[in-house]
């Protein structure tokens, strides 16, 4: 599993993804694909998220992905969403108080 971000990282990114998460059979592949798809996401453009998901899932060895940018979320493959009945603030507080957000936002 690898995540690339254009807003939360010190690394250079050419895209606007807050998080481009890739699940793959190999960590190096997940890293490369998360960087590639994160670079094509443009804030506020739903089509760029959909294009990024299609591109990620077209790569042999990628099992699933989640891409988040501002108020848009797109996912595919092995990722199964769960419904949350909470405000963004409540979710953030829960993550800050209880730890890692990976099980709060999606299940693999």
N, C-alpha and C. Protein backbone atom coordinates (compact mmCIF):
# COMPACT_ATOMS: atom_id res chain seq x y z
N UNK A 1 0.86 -1.17 0.00
CA UNK A 1 0.00 0.00 0.00
C UNK A 1 0.90 1.22 0.00
N UNK A 2 0.56 2.20 -0.85
CA UNK A 2 1.33 3.44 -0.90
C UNK A 2 0.36 4.60 -1.09
N UNK A 3 0.74 5.76 -0.54
CA UNK A 3 -0.05 6.98 -0.69
C UNK A 3 0.84 8.10 -1.19
N UNK A 4 0.32 8.86 -2.14
CA UNK A 4 1.00 10.04 -2.63
C UNK A 4 0.07 11.22 -2.40
N UNK A 5 0.63 12.37 -2.08
CA UNK A 5 -0.18 13.55 -1.81
C UNK A 5 0.48 14.81 -2.36
N UNK A 6 -0.35 15.66 -2.94
CA UNK A 6 0.14 16.95 -3.41
C UNK A 6 -0.06 18.05 -2.39
N UNK A 7 -0.74 17.73 -1.29
CA UNK A 7 -1.05 18.77 -0.29
C UNK A 7 -0.50 18.49 1.10
N UNK A 8 -0.10 17.26 1.39
CA UNK A 8 0.29 16.89 2.74
C UNK A 8 1.72 16.37 2.81
N UNK A 9 2.51 16.62 1.82
CA UNK A 9 3.84 16.04 1.78
C UNK A 9 4.89 17.08 1.42
N UNK A 10 6.11 16.81 1.80
CA UNK A 10 7.23 17.66 1.42
C UNK A 10 7.75 17.31 0.03
N UNK A 11 7.34 16.17 -0.49
CA UNK A 11 7.82 15.72 -1.80
C UNK A 11 7.18 16.53 -2.92
N UNK A 12 7.89 16.67 -4.02
CA UNK A 12 7.38 17.39 -5.18
C UNK A 12 6.26 16.59 -5.82
N UNK A 13 5.13 17.25 -6.07
CA UNK A 13 4.01 16.62 -6.75
C UNK A 13 3.47 17.59 -7.78
N UNK A 14 3.06 17.06 -8.92
CA UNK A 14 2.50 17.89 -9.98
C UNK A 14 0.98 17.84 -9.99
N UNK A 15 0.39 17.12 -9.06
CA UNK A 15 -1.06 16.99 -8.99
C UNK A 15 -1.62 17.60 -7.72
N UNK A 16 -2.94 17.56 -7.62
CA UNK A 16 -3.64 18.17 -6.48
C UNK A 16 -4.32 17.15 -5.59
N UNK A 17 -3.97 15.89 -5.69
CA UNK A 17 -4.60 14.87 -4.85
C UNK A 17 -4.20 15.08 -3.40
N UNK A 18 -5.19 15.09 -2.51
CA UNK A 18 -4.89 15.09 -1.09
C UNK A 18 -4.35 13.72 -0.69
N UNK A 19 -4.86 12.68 -1.34
CA UNK A 19 -4.36 11.33 -1.12
C UNK A 19 -4.68 10.46 -2.33
N UNK A 20 -3.66 9.84 -2.86
CA UNK A 20 -3.83 8.83 -3.92
C UNK A 20 -3.27 7.54 -3.34
N UNK A 21 -4.16 6.67 -2.91
CA UNK A 21 -3.78 5.44 -2.21
C UNK A 21 -3.91 4.26 -3.18
N UNK A 22 -2.84 3.49 -3.28
CA UNK A 22 -2.83 2.34 -4.18
C UNK A 22 -2.53 1.07 -3.39
N UNK A 23 -3.30 0.03 -3.65
CA UNK A 23 -3.08 -1.31 -3.08
C UNK A 23 -2.58 -2.18 -4.24
N UNK A 24 -1.40 -2.76 -4.07
CA UNK A 24 -0.82 -3.60 -5.12
C UNK A 24 -0.09 -4.78 -4.51
N UNK A 25 0.29 -5.71 -5.36
CA UNK A 25 1.01 -6.90 -4.90
C UNK A 25 2.42 -6.60 -4.43
N UNK A 26 3.00 -5.51 -4.91
CA UNK A 26 4.37 -5.12 -4.53
C UNK A 26 4.39 -3.66 -4.12
N UNK A 27 5.14 -3.36 -3.07
CA UNK A 27 5.21 -1.99 -2.54
C UNK A 27 5.77 -1.01 -3.56
N UNK A 28 6.79 -1.42 -4.31
CA UNK A 28 7.40 -0.52 -5.30
C UNK A 28 6.39 -0.16 -6.38
N UNK A 29 5.57 -1.12 -6.80
CA UNK A 29 4.54 -0.84 -7.79
C UNK A 29 3.50 0.12 -7.23
N UNK A 30 3.06 -0.12 -5.99
CA UNK A 30 2.08 0.78 -5.36
C UNK A 30 2.64 2.19 -5.27
N UNK A 31 3.92 2.33 -4.94
CA UNK A 31 4.55 3.64 -4.83
C UNK A 31 4.58 4.35 -6.19
N UNK A 32 5.01 3.65 -7.21
CA UNK A 32 5.09 4.25 -8.55
C UNK A 32 3.72 4.67 -9.06
N UNK A 33 2.72 3.82 -8.88
CA UNK A 33 1.39 4.13 -9.39
C UNK A 33 0.74 5.24 -8.58
N UNK A 34 0.92 5.26 -7.27
CA UNK A 34 0.33 6.34 -6.47
C UNK A 34 0.91 7.69 -6.88
N UNK A 35 2.20 7.73 -7.17
CA UNK A 35 2.82 8.97 -7.63
C UNK A 35 2.25 9.37 -8.99
N UNK A 36 2.18 8.42 -9.92
CA UNK A 36 1.69 8.71 -11.28
C UNK A 36 0.25 9.20 -11.26
N UNK A 37 -0.64 8.50 -10.58
CA UNK A 37 -2.05 8.92 -10.61
C UNK A 37 -2.27 10.18 -9.78
N UNK A 38 -1.51 10.35 -8.70
CA UNK A 38 -1.62 11.58 -7.93
C UNK A 38 -1.25 12.80 -8.74
N UNK A 39 -0.32 12.64 -9.67
CA UNK A 39 0.13 13.75 -10.50
C UNK A 39 -0.90 14.21 -11.53
N UNK A 40 -1.88 13.37 -11.86
CA UNK A 40 -2.85 13.80 -12.88
C UNK A 40 -4.14 14.35 -12.29
N UNK A 41 -4.27 14.30 -10.97
CA UNK A 41 -5.48 14.81 -10.31
C UNK A 41 -5.43 16.33 -10.22
N UNK A 42 -6.50 16.98 -10.66
CA UNK A 42 -6.63 18.44 -10.57
C UNK A 42 -7.81 18.77 -9.67
N UNK A 43 -7.59 19.64 -8.69
CA UNK A 43 -8.62 20.00 -7.71
C UNK A 43 -9.91 20.45 -8.38
N UNK A 44 -11.01 19.90 -7.91
CA UNK A 44 -12.32 20.30 -8.38
C UNK A 44 -12.75 19.68 -9.70
N UNK A 45 -11.89 18.87 -10.31
CA UNK A 45 -12.23 18.25 -11.59
C UNK A 45 -12.50 16.77 -11.40
N UNK A 46 -13.78 16.45 -11.32
CA UNK A 46 -14.20 15.07 -11.09
C UNK A 46 -13.62 14.13 -12.14
N UNK A 47 -13.57 14.59 -13.39
CA UNK A 47 -13.05 13.74 -14.46
C UNK A 47 -11.62 13.32 -14.21
N UNK A 48 -10.82 14.19 -13.59
CA UNK A 48 -9.42 13.82 -13.36
C UNK A 48 -9.31 12.70 -12.32
N UNK A 49 -10.22 12.66 -11.34
CA UNK A 49 -10.21 11.56 -10.37
C UNK A 49 -10.64 10.26 -11.04
N UNK A 50 -11.67 10.33 -11.86
CA UNK A 50 -12.14 9.14 -12.56
C UNK A 50 -11.06 8.60 -13.51
N UNK A 51 -10.38 9.51 -14.19
CA UNK A 51 -9.29 9.12 -15.08
C UNK A 51 -8.15 8.47 -14.29
N UNK A 52 -7.85 9.02 -13.13
CA UNK A 52 -6.78 8.48 -12.29
C UNK A 52 -7.11 7.07 -11.81
N UNK A 53 -8.36 6.83 -11.43
CA UNK A 53 -8.77 5.49 -11.00
C UNK A 53 -8.67 4.51 -12.16
N UNK A 54 -9.15 4.90 -13.33
CA UNK A 54 -9.07 4.01 -14.50
C UNK A 54 -7.61 3.68 -14.82
N UNK A 55 -6.75 4.70 -14.79
CA UNK A 55 -5.33 4.48 -15.07
C UNK A 55 -4.72 3.52 -14.04
N UNK A 56 -4.98 3.75 -12.77
CA UNK A 56 -4.42 2.89 -11.72
C UNK A 56 -4.84 1.44 -11.91
N UNK A 57 -6.12 1.22 -12.16
CA UNK A 57 -6.63 -0.15 -12.27
C UNK A 57 -6.20 -0.83 -13.57
N UNK A 58 -5.71 -0.05 -14.55
CA UNK A 58 -5.24 -0.64 -15.80
C UNK A 58 -3.83 -1.21 -15.66
N UNK A 59 -3.15 -0.90 -14.56
CA UNK A 59 -1.77 -1.38 -14.35
C UNK A 59 -1.82 -2.79 -13.77
N UNK A 60 -1.13 -3.71 -14.45
CA UNK A 60 -1.08 -5.10 -13.99
C UNK A 60 -0.43 -5.16 -12.61
N UNK A 61 -1.11 -5.76 -11.65
CA UNK A 61 -0.60 -5.89 -10.28
C UNK A 61 -1.28 -4.96 -9.29
N UNK A 62 -2.00 -3.95 -9.80
CA UNK A 62 -2.74 -3.04 -8.90
C UNK A 62 -4.06 -3.71 -8.56
N UNK A 63 -4.35 -3.76 -7.26
CA UNK A 63 -5.57 -4.42 -6.79
C UNK A 63 -6.70 -3.44 -6.49
N UNK A 64 -6.35 -2.20 -6.10
CA UNK A 64 -7.38 -1.23 -5.78
C UNK A 64 -6.79 0.14 -5.53
N UNK A 65 -7.67 1.12 -5.49
CA UNK A 65 -7.19 2.48 -5.23
C UNK A 65 -8.30 3.35 -4.63
N UNK A 66 -7.86 4.37 -3.91
CA UNK A 66 -8.73 5.41 -3.38
C UNK A 66 -8.04 6.73 -3.68
N UNK A 67 -8.78 7.65 -4.29
CA UNK A 67 -8.20 8.96 -4.59
C UNK A 67 -9.13 10.02 -4.03
N UNK A 68 -8.55 10.93 -3.24
CA UNK A 68 -9.30 11.98 -2.58
C UNK A 68 -8.68 13.33 -2.93
N UNK A 69 -9.53 14.29 -3.32
CA UNK A 69 -9.06 15.64 -3.60
C UNK A 69 -10.18 16.61 -3.22
N UNK A 70 -9.88 17.42 -2.22
CA UNK A 70 -10.86 18.36 -1.66
C UNK A 70 -12.12 17.61 -1.25
N UNK A 71 -13.23 17.87 -1.89
CA UNK A 71 -14.49 17.22 -1.50
C UNK A 71 -14.85 16.05 -2.39
N UNK A 72 -13.93 15.60 -3.24
CA UNK A 72 -14.21 14.51 -4.16
C UNK A 72 -13.46 13.25 -3.76
N UNK A 73 -14.13 12.11 -3.90
CA UNK A 73 -13.55 10.82 -3.56
C UNK A 73 -13.90 9.84 -4.67
N UNK A 74 -12.91 9.11 -5.14
CA UNK A 74 -13.15 8.09 -6.16
C UNK A 74 -12.35 6.86 -5.77
N UNK A 75 -12.88 5.68 -6.06
CA UNK A 75 -12.19 4.45 -5.68
C UNK A 75 -12.57 3.34 -6.63
N UNK A 76 -11.79 2.28 -6.60
CA UNK A 76 -12.09 1.13 -7.45
C UNK A 76 -11.28 -0.07 -7.04
N UNK A 77 -11.56 -1.19 -7.69
CA UNK A 77 -10.85 -2.43 -7.40
C UNK A 77 -11.32 -3.07 -6.11
N UNK A 78 -10.38 -3.52 -5.30
CA UNK A 78 -10.70 -4.27 -4.08
C UNK A 78 -11.18 -3.39 -2.92
N UNK A 79 -11.22 -2.10 -3.10
CA UNK A 79 -11.62 -1.20 -2.02
C UNK A 79 -13.13 -1.26 -1.81
N UNK A 80 -13.53 -1.48 -0.57
CA UNK A 80 -14.95 -1.52 -0.23
C UNK A 80 -15.24 -0.37 0.73
N UNK A 81 -16.05 0.58 0.29
CA UNK A 81 -16.34 1.74 1.17
C UNK A 81 -17.26 1.36 2.31
N UNK A 82 -17.16 2.12 3.39
CA UNK A 82 -18.11 1.98 4.47
C UNK A 82 -18.78 3.34 4.65
N UNK A 83 -19.99 3.35 5.11
CA UNK A 83 -20.72 4.59 5.32
C UNK A 83 -20.44 5.09 6.74
N UNK A 84 -20.19 6.37 6.84
CA UNK A 84 -19.93 6.98 8.13
C UNK A 84 -21.02 8.00 8.42
N UNK A 85 -21.53 7.97 9.62
CA UNK A 85 -22.50 8.98 10.05
C UNK A 85 -21.80 9.91 11.02
N UNK A 86 -20.98 10.78 10.47
CA UNK A 86 -20.22 11.72 11.30
C UNK A 86 -19.81 12.90 10.44
N UNK A 87 -19.62 14.01 11.07
CA UNK A 87 -19.13 15.18 10.35
C UNK A 87 -17.63 15.04 10.14
N UNK A 88 -17.09 15.83 9.23
CA UNK A 88 -15.65 15.81 9.00
C UNK A 88 -14.89 16.11 10.28
N UNK A 89 -15.41 17.03 11.08
CA UNK A 89 -14.76 17.39 12.34
C UNK A 89 -14.74 16.20 13.30
N UNK A 90 -15.87 15.48 13.39
CA UNK A 90 -15.93 14.32 14.27
C UNK A 90 -14.94 13.24 13.83
N UNK A 91 -14.83 13.03 12.52
CA UNK A 91 -13.90 12.03 12.00
C UNK A 91 -12.47 12.45 12.32
N UNK A 92 -12.14 13.71 12.09
CA UNK A 92 -10.80 14.20 12.38
C UNK A 92 -10.46 14.06 13.86
N UNK A 93 -11.39 14.43 14.73
CA UNK A 93 -11.14 14.30 16.16
C UNK A 93 -10.90 12.84 16.55
N UNK A 94 -11.70 11.93 15.98
CA UNK A 94 -11.54 10.50 16.27
C UNK A 94 -10.16 10.02 15.85
N UNK A 95 -9.73 10.42 14.66
CA UNK A 95 -8.42 10.01 14.16
C UNK A 95 -7.32 10.57 15.04
N UNK A 96 -7.44 11.83 15.43
CA UNK A 96 -6.40 12.46 16.24
C UNK A 96 -6.32 11.82 17.63
N UNK A 97 -7.46 11.43 18.18
CA UNK A 97 -7.48 10.87 19.53
C UNK A 97 -7.19 9.37 19.57
N UNK A 98 -7.63 8.65 18.53
CA UNK A 98 -7.55 7.20 18.58
C UNK A 98 -6.50 6.58 17.66
N UNK A 99 -5.88 7.38 16.80
CA UNK A 99 -4.81 6.82 15.99
C UNK A 99 -5.10 6.76 14.51
N UNK A 100 -4.51 5.79 13.88
CA UNK A 100 -4.46 5.65 12.43
C UNK A 100 -5.83 5.72 11.77
N UNK A 101 -5.94 6.49 10.67
CA UNK A 101 -7.22 6.64 9.99
C UNK A 101 -7.56 5.53 9.00
N UNK A 102 -6.66 4.57 8.76
CA UNK A 102 -6.91 3.63 7.67
C UNK A 102 -8.20 2.84 7.85
N UNK A 103 -8.58 2.50 9.06
CA UNK A 103 -9.81 1.74 9.26
C UNK A 103 -11.03 2.64 9.43
N UNK A 104 -10.83 3.94 9.47
CA UNK A 104 -11.95 4.87 9.59
C UNK A 104 -12.54 5.17 8.22
N UNK A 105 -11.70 5.26 7.21
CA UNK A 105 -12.14 5.72 5.90
C UNK A 105 -12.49 4.61 4.92
N UNK A 106 -11.81 3.49 4.97
CA UNK A 106 -12.13 2.40 4.05
C UNK A 106 -11.63 1.08 4.59
N UNK A 107 -12.18 0.04 4.07
CA UNK A 107 -11.74 -1.32 4.41
C UNK A 107 -11.19 -1.97 3.18
N UNK A 108 -10.08 -2.64 3.31
CA UNK A 108 -9.48 -3.36 2.16
C UNK A 108 -9.83 -4.81 2.28
